[in-house]
Amino acid sequence: MSLEKARDYLKKFNLEDKIMEFTTSSATVVEAAKALNCEEEEIAKTLSFFINDEPILIVVSGDKKIDNSKFKNEFNVKAKMIPYEDVEKYIGHKAGGVCPFGINENVKVYLDESLKRFNIIYPACGSSNSAVKLTIDELEKTSNYTKWVNVCKDM
């Protein structure tokens, strides 16, 4: 189970107690913000893409979307999301619960600058009804990120 993979991964950082499970869905930004009683921009959504057939994740603020020209400038390819039905195979979590914790080994993680304006953010935690409360420092330490990028724009 993906939630357990994420929980086991976060145990290495003594952060498993920050994981929250809900009786309702938190698969979308709107649903997660409602479940957490927070603003949508505080949700850290994790988007999955292919870069030259290699899977990557970009963690972005809930009120942003990918800016295709910024993406192409950063990665030198057009943005190509991993199809919904293939996300679990390439990333290790199903769509709706994708997070940078407990993912497949070959997946690079990038953090978008849009997150830096918050002290606390809420990424999913491997399932469509979970989240974890993290500081930006904790996200950096746990995500094994490659680098910060600026690939988003307002929705």
N, C-alpha and C. Protein backbone atom coordinates (compact mmCIF):
# COMPACT_ATOMS: atom_id res chain seq x y z
N MET A 1 0.84 -1.19 0.00
CA MET A 1 0.00 0.00 0.00
C MET A 1 0.88 1.25 0.00
N SER A 2 0.55 2.22 -0.83
CA SER A 2 1.36 3.42 -0.98
C SER A 2 1.45 4.26 0.29
N LEU A 3 0.36 4.36 1.05
CA LEU A 3 0.40 5.11 2.31
C LEU A 3 1.44 4.50 3.24
N GLU A 4 1.49 3.17 3.30
CA GLU A 4 2.47 2.52 4.16
C GLU A 4 3.90 2.74 3.66
N LYS A 5 4.09 2.75 2.34
CA LYS A 5 5.41 3.06 1.78
C LYS A 5 5.85 4.46 2.18
N ALA A 6 4.94 5.40 2.07
CA ALA A 6 5.25 6.79 2.44
C ALA A 6 5.50 6.90 3.94
N ARG A 7 4.69 6.21 4.74
CA ARG A 7 4.85 6.25 6.20
C ARG A 7 6.21 5.66 6.60
N ASP A 8 6.55 4.50 6.03
CA ASP A 8 7.85 3.88 6.33
C ASP A 8 9.00 4.80 5.94
N TYR A 9 8.87 5.47 4.82
CA TYR A 9 9.90 6.40 4.36
C TYR A 9 10.03 7.57 5.34
N LEU A 10 8.91 8.16 5.76
CA LEU A 10 8.95 9.31 6.66
C LEU A 10 9.40 8.96 8.07
N LYS A 11 9.31 7.66 8.44
CA LYS A 11 9.82 7.21 9.75
C LYS A 11 11.31 7.47 9.88
N LYS A 12 12.04 7.40 8.77
CA LYS A 12 13.49 7.66 8.80
C LYS A 12 13.80 9.07 9.28
N PHE A 13 12.82 9.97 9.14
CA PHE A 13 12.99 11.37 9.52
C PHE A 13 12.19 11.72 10.78
N ASN A 14 11.62 10.70 11.42
CA ASN A 14 10.78 10.89 12.61
C ASN A 14 9.60 11.83 12.34
N LEU A 15 9.01 11.71 11.16
CA LEU A 15 7.89 12.57 10.78
C LEU A 15 6.59 11.80 10.56
N GLU A 16 6.59 10.51 10.85
CA GLU A 16 5.39 9.72 10.59
C GLU A 16 4.19 10.19 11.42
N ASP A 17 4.44 10.83 12.56
CA ASP A 17 3.34 11.32 13.40
C ASP A 17 2.64 12.53 12.79
N LYS A 18 3.22 13.13 11.76
CA LYS A 18 2.61 14.29 11.10
C LYS A 18 1.65 13.88 9.97
N ILE A 19 1.55 12.57 9.71
CA ILE A 19 0.66 12.08 8.66
C ILE A 19 -0.77 12.09 9.17
N MET A 20 -1.67 12.56 8.32
CA MET A 20 -3.10 12.60 8.65
C MET A 20 -3.87 11.76 7.63
N GLU A 21 -4.82 10.98 8.13
CA GLU A 21 -5.71 10.24 7.25
C GLU A 21 -7.12 10.78 7.44
N PHE A 22 -7.88 10.85 6.34
CA PHE A 22 -9.21 11.44 6.37
C PHE A 22 -10.27 10.40 6.00
N THR A 23 -11.48 10.64 6.43
CA THR A 23 -12.60 9.77 6.05
C THR A 23 -13.17 10.19 4.70
N THR A 24 -12.73 11.34 4.19
CA THR A 24 -13.16 11.82 2.88
C THR A 24 -11.95 11.90 1.96
N SER A 25 -12.20 12.08 0.69
CA SER A 25 -11.12 12.17 -0.29
C SER A 25 -10.33 13.46 -0.12
N SER A 26 -9.02 13.35 -0.33
CA SER A 26 -8.16 14.53 -0.39
C SER A 26 -7.35 14.48 -1.70
N ALA A 27 -7.93 13.83 -2.70
CA ALA A 27 -7.23 13.58 -3.96
C ALA A 27 -7.02 14.84 -4.80
N THR A 28 -7.89 15.84 -4.65
CA THR A 28 -7.71 17.08 -5.40
C THR A 28 -7.33 18.19 -4.43
N VAL A 29 -6.85 19.29 -4.97
CA VAL A 29 -6.48 20.43 -4.13
C VAL A 29 -7.69 20.91 -3.34
N VAL A 30 -8.83 21.03 -3.99
CA VAL A 30 -10.05 21.50 -3.33
C VAL A 30 -10.44 20.56 -2.19
N GLU A 31 -10.44 19.26 -2.47
CA GLU A 31 -10.81 18.27 -1.44
C GLU A 31 -9.80 18.27 -0.29
N ALA A 32 -8.52 18.37 -0.60
CA ALA A 32 -7.48 18.37 0.45
C ALA A 32 -7.60 19.61 1.33
N ALA A 33 -7.81 20.77 0.74
CA ALA A 33 -7.95 22.00 1.52
C ALA A 33 -9.17 21.92 2.44
N LYS A 34 -10.25 21.34 1.93
CA LYS A 34 -11.46 21.18 2.75
C LYS A 34 -11.19 20.21 3.91
N ALA A 35 -10.55 19.08 3.62
CA ALA A 35 -10.26 18.09 4.66
C ALA A 35 -9.33 18.65 5.74
N LEU A 36 -8.40 19.50 5.31
CA LEU A 36 -7.40 20.07 6.24
C LEU A 36 -7.84 21.39 6.85
N ASN A 37 -8.93 21.97 6.34
CA ASN A 37 -9.38 23.28 6.78
C ASN A 37 -8.27 24.33 6.60
N CYS A 38 -7.70 24.36 5.39
CA CYS A 38 -6.64 25.31 5.06
C CYS A 38 -6.94 25.93 3.70
N GLU A 39 -6.08 26.84 3.28
CA GLU A 39 -6.23 27.47 1.98
C GLU A 39 -5.70 26.54 0.89
N GLU A 40 -6.29 26.62 -0.31
CA GLU A 40 -5.86 25.75 -1.41
C GLU A 40 -4.39 25.94 -1.76
N GLU A 41 -3.88 27.16 -1.66
CA GLU A 41 -2.48 27.38 -2.01
C GLU A 41 -1.51 26.70 -1.05
N GLU A 42 -1.96 26.32 0.14
CA GLU A 42 -1.11 25.62 1.11
C GLU A 42 -0.97 24.13 0.80
N ILE A 43 -1.79 23.63 -0.11
CA ILE A 43 -1.68 22.24 -0.54
C ILE A 43 -0.49 22.14 -1.50
N ALA A 44 0.38 21.20 -1.25
CA ALA A 44 1.54 20.97 -2.13
C ALA A 44 1.18 19.82 -3.06
N LYS A 45 0.74 20.16 -4.27
CA LYS A 45 0.37 19.11 -5.21
C LYS A 45 1.61 18.61 -5.93
N THR A 46 1.66 17.31 -6.14
CA THR A 46 2.81 16.68 -6.77
C THR A 46 2.39 16.18 -8.15
N LEU A 47 2.99 16.78 -9.17
CA LEU A 47 2.65 16.50 -10.56
C LEU A 47 3.71 15.59 -11.18
N SER A 48 3.27 14.65 -12.00
CA SER A 48 4.19 13.67 -12.59
C SER A 48 4.30 13.86 -14.10
N PHE A 49 5.55 13.89 -14.57
CA PHE A 49 5.85 14.14 -15.98
C PHE A 49 6.89 13.15 -16.49
N PHE A 50 6.98 13.06 -17.80
CA PHE A 50 8.09 12.38 -18.45
C PHE A 50 9.04 13.44 -18.99
N ILE A 51 10.32 13.25 -18.76
CA ILE A 51 11.38 14.04 -19.40
C ILE A 51 12.23 13.03 -20.15
N ASN A 52 12.14 13.06 -21.47
CA ASN A 52 12.88 12.08 -22.29
C ASN A 52 12.64 10.65 -21.80
N ASP A 53 11.39 10.30 -21.58
CA ASP A 53 10.94 8.97 -21.14
C ASP A 53 11.33 8.62 -19.70
N GLU A 54 11.88 9.56 -18.96
CA GLU A 54 12.21 9.34 -17.54
C GLU A 54 11.15 10.05 -16.68
N PRO A 55 10.62 9.35 -15.67
CA PRO A 55 9.60 9.98 -14.83
C PRO A 55 10.21 10.98 -13.85
N ILE A 56 9.54 12.11 -13.68
CA ILE A 56 9.94 13.09 -12.68
C ILE A 56 8.69 13.56 -11.93
N LEU A 57 8.91 14.16 -10.77
CA LEU A 57 7.85 14.80 -10.00
C LEU A 57 8.21 16.25 -9.79
N ILE A 58 7.20 17.11 -9.84
CA ILE A 58 7.37 18.51 -9.49
C ILE A 58 6.32 18.83 -8.43
N VAL A 59 6.78 19.28 -7.27
CA VAL A 59 5.88 19.64 -6.18
C VAL A 59 5.62 21.15 -6.29
N VAL A 60 4.34 21.54 -6.40
CA VAL A 60 3.97 22.93 -6.62
C VAL A 60 2.84 23.34 -5.67
N SER A 61 2.68 24.63 -5.49
CA SER A 61 1.60 25.14 -4.66
C SER A 61 0.25 24.87 -5.32
N GLY A 62 -0.76 24.63 -4.50
CA GLY A 62 -2.09 24.28 -4.98
C GLY A 62 -2.78 25.33 -5.83
N ASP A 63 -2.32 26.57 -5.79
CA ASP A 63 -2.96 27.62 -6.59
C ASP A 63 -2.19 27.91 -7.88
N LYS A 64 -1.27 27.06 -8.25
CA LYS A 64 -0.45 27.28 -9.45
C LYS A 64 -0.66 26.15 -10.45
N LYS A 65 -0.27 26.41 -11.68
CA LYS A 65 -0.27 25.38 -12.73
C LYS A 65 1.02 25.53 -13.52
N ILE A 66 1.33 24.50 -14.27
CA ILE A 66 2.57 24.49 -15.06
C ILE A 66 2.49 25.53 -16.17
N ASP A 67 3.53 26.31 -16.29
CA ASP A 67 3.69 27.27 -17.39
C ASP A 67 4.54 26.56 -18.44
N ASN A 68 3.93 26.25 -19.59
CA ASN A 68 4.62 25.44 -20.60
C ASN A 68 5.93 26.04 -21.08
N SER A 69 6.00 27.35 -21.23
CA SER A 69 7.26 27.94 -21.70
C SER A 69 8.34 27.88 -20.63
N LYS A 70 7.98 28.11 -19.37
CA LYS A 70 8.96 27.98 -18.28
C LYS A 70 9.44 26.54 -18.17
N PHE A 71 8.50 25.59 -18.31
CA PHE A 71 8.86 24.17 -18.24
C PHE A 71 9.87 23.84 -19.33
N LYS A 72 9.58 24.27 -20.55
CA LYS A 72 10.48 23.97 -21.68
C LYS A 72 11.84 24.62 -21.49
N ASN A 73 11.87 25.85 -20.95
CA ASN A 73 13.15 26.51 -20.67
C ASN A 73 13.96 25.75 -19.63
N GLU A 74 13.28 25.20 -18.64
CA GLU A 74 13.97 24.49 -17.55
C GLU A 74 14.45 23.10 -17.98
N PHE A 75 13.60 22.36 -18.68
CA PHE A 75 13.89 20.95 -18.97
C PHE A 75 14.24 20.67 -20.43
N ASN A 76 14.16 21.68 -21.28
CA ASN A 76 14.49 21.55 -22.70
C ASN A 76 13.60 20.59 -23.47
N VAL A 77 12.41 20.32 -22.94
CA VAL A 77 11.41 19.52 -23.63
C VAL A 77 10.03 20.08 -23.30
N LYS A 78 9.06 19.74 -24.12
CA LYS A 78 7.68 20.13 -23.87
C LYS A 78 7.14 19.32 -22.68
N ALA A 79 6.31 19.95 -21.86
CA ALA A 79 5.72 19.27 -20.71
C ALA A 79 4.82 18.13 -21.18
N LYS A 80 5.07 16.93 -20.67
CA LYS A 80 4.27 15.76 -21.00
C LYS A 80 3.95 15.02 -19.71
N MET A 81 2.70 15.15 -19.26
CA MET A 81 2.31 14.48 -18.02
C MET A 81 2.23 12.97 -18.23
N ILE A 82 2.51 12.24 -17.18
CA ILE A 82 2.35 10.79 -17.22
C ILE A 82 0.85 10.49 -17.23
N PRO A 83 0.38 9.64 -18.15
CA PRO A 83 -1.06 9.33 -18.18
C PRO A 83 -1.54 8.78 -16.83
N TYR A 84 -2.75 9.18 -16.46
CA TYR A 84 -3.37 8.82 -15.17
C TYR A 84 -3.17 7.35 -14.83
N GLU A 85 -3.46 6.48 -15.80
CA GLU A 85 -3.43 5.04 -15.54
C GLU A 85 -2.00 4.49 -15.39
N ASP A 86 -0.99 5.27 -15.75
CA ASP A 86 0.40 4.81 -15.67
C ASP A 86 1.18 5.40 -14.50
N VAL A 87 0.57 6.33 -13.77
CA VAL A 87 1.28 7.03 -12.70
C VAL A 87 1.84 6.07 -11.66
N GLU A 88 1.04 5.14 -11.19
CA GLU A 88 1.50 4.23 -10.14
C GLU A 88 2.69 3.40 -10.62
N LYS A 89 2.65 2.91 -11.85
CA LYS A 89 3.73 2.09 -12.41
C LYS A 89 5.06 2.86 -12.42
N TYR A 90 5.02 4.11 -12.84
CA TYR A 90 6.26 4.89 -12.98
C TYR A 90 6.70 5.59 -11.70
N ILE A 91 5.76 5.98 -10.85
CA ILE A 91 6.07 6.77 -9.66
C ILE A 91 6.08 5.93 -8.39
N GLY A 92 5.13 5.01 -8.27
CA GLY A 92 5.04 4.20 -7.05
C GLY A 92 3.80 4.52 -6.22
N HIS A 93 3.07 5.57 -6.59
CA HIS A 93 1.81 5.94 -5.95
C HIS A 93 0.76 6.18 -7.03
N LYS A 94 -0.49 5.92 -6.70
CA LYS A 94 -1.58 6.19 -7.63
C LYS A 94 -1.86 7.69 -7.70
N ALA A 95 -2.38 8.14 -8.85
CA ALA A 95 -2.82 9.53 -8.99
C ALA A 95 -3.82 9.83 -7.88
N GLY A 96 -3.71 11.01 -7.30
CA GLY A 96 -4.56 11.39 -6.17
C GLY A 96 -3.84 11.23 -4.85
N GLY A 97 -2.77 10.46 -4.84
CA GLY A 97 -1.98 10.27 -3.62
C GLY A 97 -0.49 10.45 -3.87
N VAL A 98 -0.15 10.95 -5.05
CA VAL A 98 1.26 11.09 -5.41
C VAL A 98 1.94 12.09 -4.49
N CYS A 99 3.09 11.70 -4.01
CA CYS A 99 3.91 12.53 -3.13
C CYS A 99 5.37 12.15 -3.37
N PRO A 100 6.31 12.93 -2.86
CA PRO A 100 7.72 12.60 -3.08
C PRO A 100 8.31 11.63 -2.05
N PHE A 101 7.48 10.94 -1.30
CA PHE A 101 7.94 10.05 -0.23
C PHE A 101 7.65 8.59 -0.58
N GLY A 102 8.66 7.74 -0.52
CA GLY A 102 8.46 6.33 -0.80
C GLY A 102 8.20 6.05 -2.26
N ILE A 103 8.84 6.80 -3.13
CA ILE A 103 8.62 6.65 -4.58
C ILE A 103 9.63 5.68 -5.18
N ASN A 104 9.42 5.33 -6.43
CA ASN A 104 10.36 4.46 -7.14
C ASN A 104 11.73 5.13 -7.21
N GLU A 105 12.77 4.32 -7.22
CA GLU A 105 14.15 4.82 -7.13
C GLU A 105 14.57 5.75 -8.26
N ASN A 106 14.09 5.53 -9.45
CA ASN A 106 14.58 6.29 -10.61
C ASN A 106 13.88 7.63 -10.82
N VAL A 107 13.01 8.05 -9.91
CA VAL A 107 12.21 9.26 -10.09
C VAL A 107 12.91 10.46 -9.46
N LYS A 108 13.19 11.47 -10.29
CA LYS A 108 13.77 12.71 -9.77
C LYS A 108 12.66 13.62 -9.29
N VAL A 109 12.94 14.36 -8.21
CA VAL A 109 11.96 15.26 -7.62
C VAL A 109 12.47 16.70 -7.74
N TYR A 110 11.57 17.59 -8.15
CA TYR A 110 11.86 19.02 -8.23
C TYR A 110 10.84 19.75 -7.37
N LEU A 111 11.27 20.82 -6.73
CA LEU A 111 10.38 21.64 -5.91
C LEU A 111 10.21 22.99 -6.60
N ASP A 112 8.97 23.42 -6.76
CA ASP A 112 8.73 24.69 -7.44
C ASP A 112 8.80 25.85 -6.44
N GLU A 113 9.35 26.95 -6.91
CA GLU A 113 9.52 28.17 -6.11
C GLU A 113 8.21 28.65 -5.49
N SER A 114 7.08 28.28 -6.07
CA SER A 114 5.77 28.73 -5.56
C SER A 114 5.53 28.28 -4.12
N LEU A 115 6.25 27.28 -3.65
CA LEU A 115 6.09 26.78 -2.28
C LEU A 115 6.83 27.62 -1.25
N LYS A 116 7.82 28.37 -1.67
CA LYS A 116 8.70 29.08 -0.73
C LYS A 116 8.00 30.18 0.05
N ARG A 117 6.80 30.58 -0.33
CA ARG A 117 6.12 31.65 0.38
C ARG A 117 5.39 31.17 1.63
N PHE A 118 5.45 29.86 1.90
CA PHE A 118 4.75 29.29 3.05
C PHE A 118 5.71 28.75 4.09
N ASN A 119 5.28 28.78 5.35
CA ASN A 119 6.02 28.13 6.43
C ASN A 119 5.65 26.66 6.50
N ILE A 120 4.36 26.38 6.30
CA ILE A 120 3.82 25.02 6.39
C ILE A 120 3.09 24.70 5.08
N ILE A 121 3.31 23.48 4.58
CA ILE A 121 2.58 23.01 3.40
C ILE A 121 2.08 21.59 3.67
N TYR A 122 1.15 21.14 2.83
CA TYR A 122 0.50 19.85 3.04
C TYR A 122 0.54 19.02 1.76
N PRO A 123 1.57 18.20 1.57
CA PRO A 123 1.56 17.26 0.44
C PRO A 123 0.70 16.04 0.78
N ALA A 124 0.27 15.34 -0.25
CA ALA A 124 -0.39 14.04 -0.05
C ALA A 124 0.64 13.10 0.57
N CYS A 125 0.16 11.93 0.97
CA CYS A 125 1.07 10.98 1.61
C CYS A 125 0.83 9.55 1.12
N GLY A 126 0.68 9.40 -0.20
CA GLY A 126 0.61 8.07 -0.78
C GLY A 126 -0.76 7.52 -1.05
N SER A 127 -1.80 8.19 -0.54
CA SER A 127 -3.18 7.72 -0.78
C SER A 127 -4.06 8.92 -1.08
N SER A 128 -5.26 8.64 -1.56
CA SER A 128 -6.19 9.71 -1.92
C SER A 128 -6.98 10.24 -0.73
N ASN A 129 -6.59 9.83 0.48
CA ASN A 129 -7.24 10.37 1.68
C ASN A 129 -6.21 10.61 2.79
N SER A 130 -5.04 11.15 2.39
CA SER A 130 -3.99 11.41 3.37
C SER A 130 -3.24 12.68 3.01
N ALA A 131 -2.55 13.22 4.02
CA ALA A 131 -1.67 14.36 3.84
C ALA A 131 -0.66 14.35 4.97
N VAL A 132 0.39 15.14 4.81
CA VAL A 132 1.38 15.28 5.87
C VAL A 132 1.69 16.76 6.02
N LYS A 133 1.76 17.21 7.25
CA LYS A 133 2.05 18.62 7.54
C LYS A 133 3.56 18.79 7.68
N LEU A 134 4.15 19.60 6.77
CA LEU A 134 5.60 19.77 6.75
C LEU A 134 5.99 21.24 6.63
N THR A 135 7.15 21.57 7.18
CA THR A 135 7.77 22.85 6.89
C THR A 135 8.50 22.71 5.55
N ILE A 136 8.89 23.82 4.97
CA ILE A 136 9.67 23.77 3.72
C ILE A 136 10.99 23.05 3.97
N ASP A 137 11.63 23.31 5.11
CA ASP A 137 12.88 22.59 5.44
C ASP A 137 12.66 21.09 5.51
N GLU A 138 11.55 20.67 6.11
CA GLU A 138 11.25 19.23 6.19
C GLU A 138 10.99 18.66 4.81
N LEU A 139 10.31 19.42 3.95
CA LEU A 139 10.08 18.96 2.58
C LEU A 139 11.41 18.79 1.85
N GLU A 140 12.30 19.74 2.02
CA GLU A 140 13.62 19.63 1.38
C GLU A 140 14.37 18.39 1.87
N LYS A 141 14.36 18.17 3.17
CA LYS A 141 15.10 17.03 3.75
C LYS A 141 14.51 15.69 3.34
N THR A 142 13.20 15.61 3.22
CA THR A 142 12.55 14.32 2.98
C THR A 142 12.35 13.98 1.51
N SER A 143 12.31 14.99 0.65
CA SER A 143 11.94 14.74 -0.75
C SER A 143 13.09 14.27 -1.62
N ASN A 144 14.32 14.37 -1.12
CA ASN A 144 15.48 14.00 -1.92
C ASN A 144 15.44 14.75 -3.27
N TYR A 145 15.10 16.03 -3.18
CA TYR A 145 14.88 16.83 -4.39
C TYR A 145 16.19 17.09 -5.14
N THR A 146 16.06 17.25 -6.45
CA THR A 146 17.20 17.55 -7.31
C THR A 146 17.55 19.02 -7.23
N LYS A 147 16.52 19.89 -7.36
CA LYS A 147 16.74 21.32 -7.23
C LYS A 147 15.40 22.05 -7.21
N TRP A 148 15.45 23.33 -6.83
CA TRP A 148 14.30 24.21 -6.92
C TRP A 148 14.18 24.68 -8.36
N VAL A 149 12.95 24.77 -8.87
CA VAL A 149 12.69 25.25 -10.21
C VAL A 149 11.60 26.31 -10.17
N ASN A 150 11.47 27.06 -11.25
CA ASN A 150 10.40 28.05 -11.40
C ASN A 150 9.68 27.72 -12.69
N VAL A 151 8.67 26.85 -12.61
CA VAL A 151 7.96 26.38 -13.81
C VAL A 151 6.45 26.57 -13.75
N CYS A 152 5.99 27.45 -12.85
CA CYS A 152 4.54 27.61 -12.67
C CYS A 152 4.08 29.02 -12.95
N LYS A 153 2.75 29.12 -13.09
CA LYS A 153 2.07 30.40 -13.21
C LYS A 153 0.77 30.31 -12.45
N ASP A 154 0.11 31.46 -12.27
CA ASP A 154 -1.20 31.48 -11.59
C ASP A 154 -2.23 30.72 -12.41
N MET A 155 -3.19 30.16 -11.73
CA MET A 155 -4.27 29.44 -12.40
C MET A 155 -5.28 30.40 -12.98
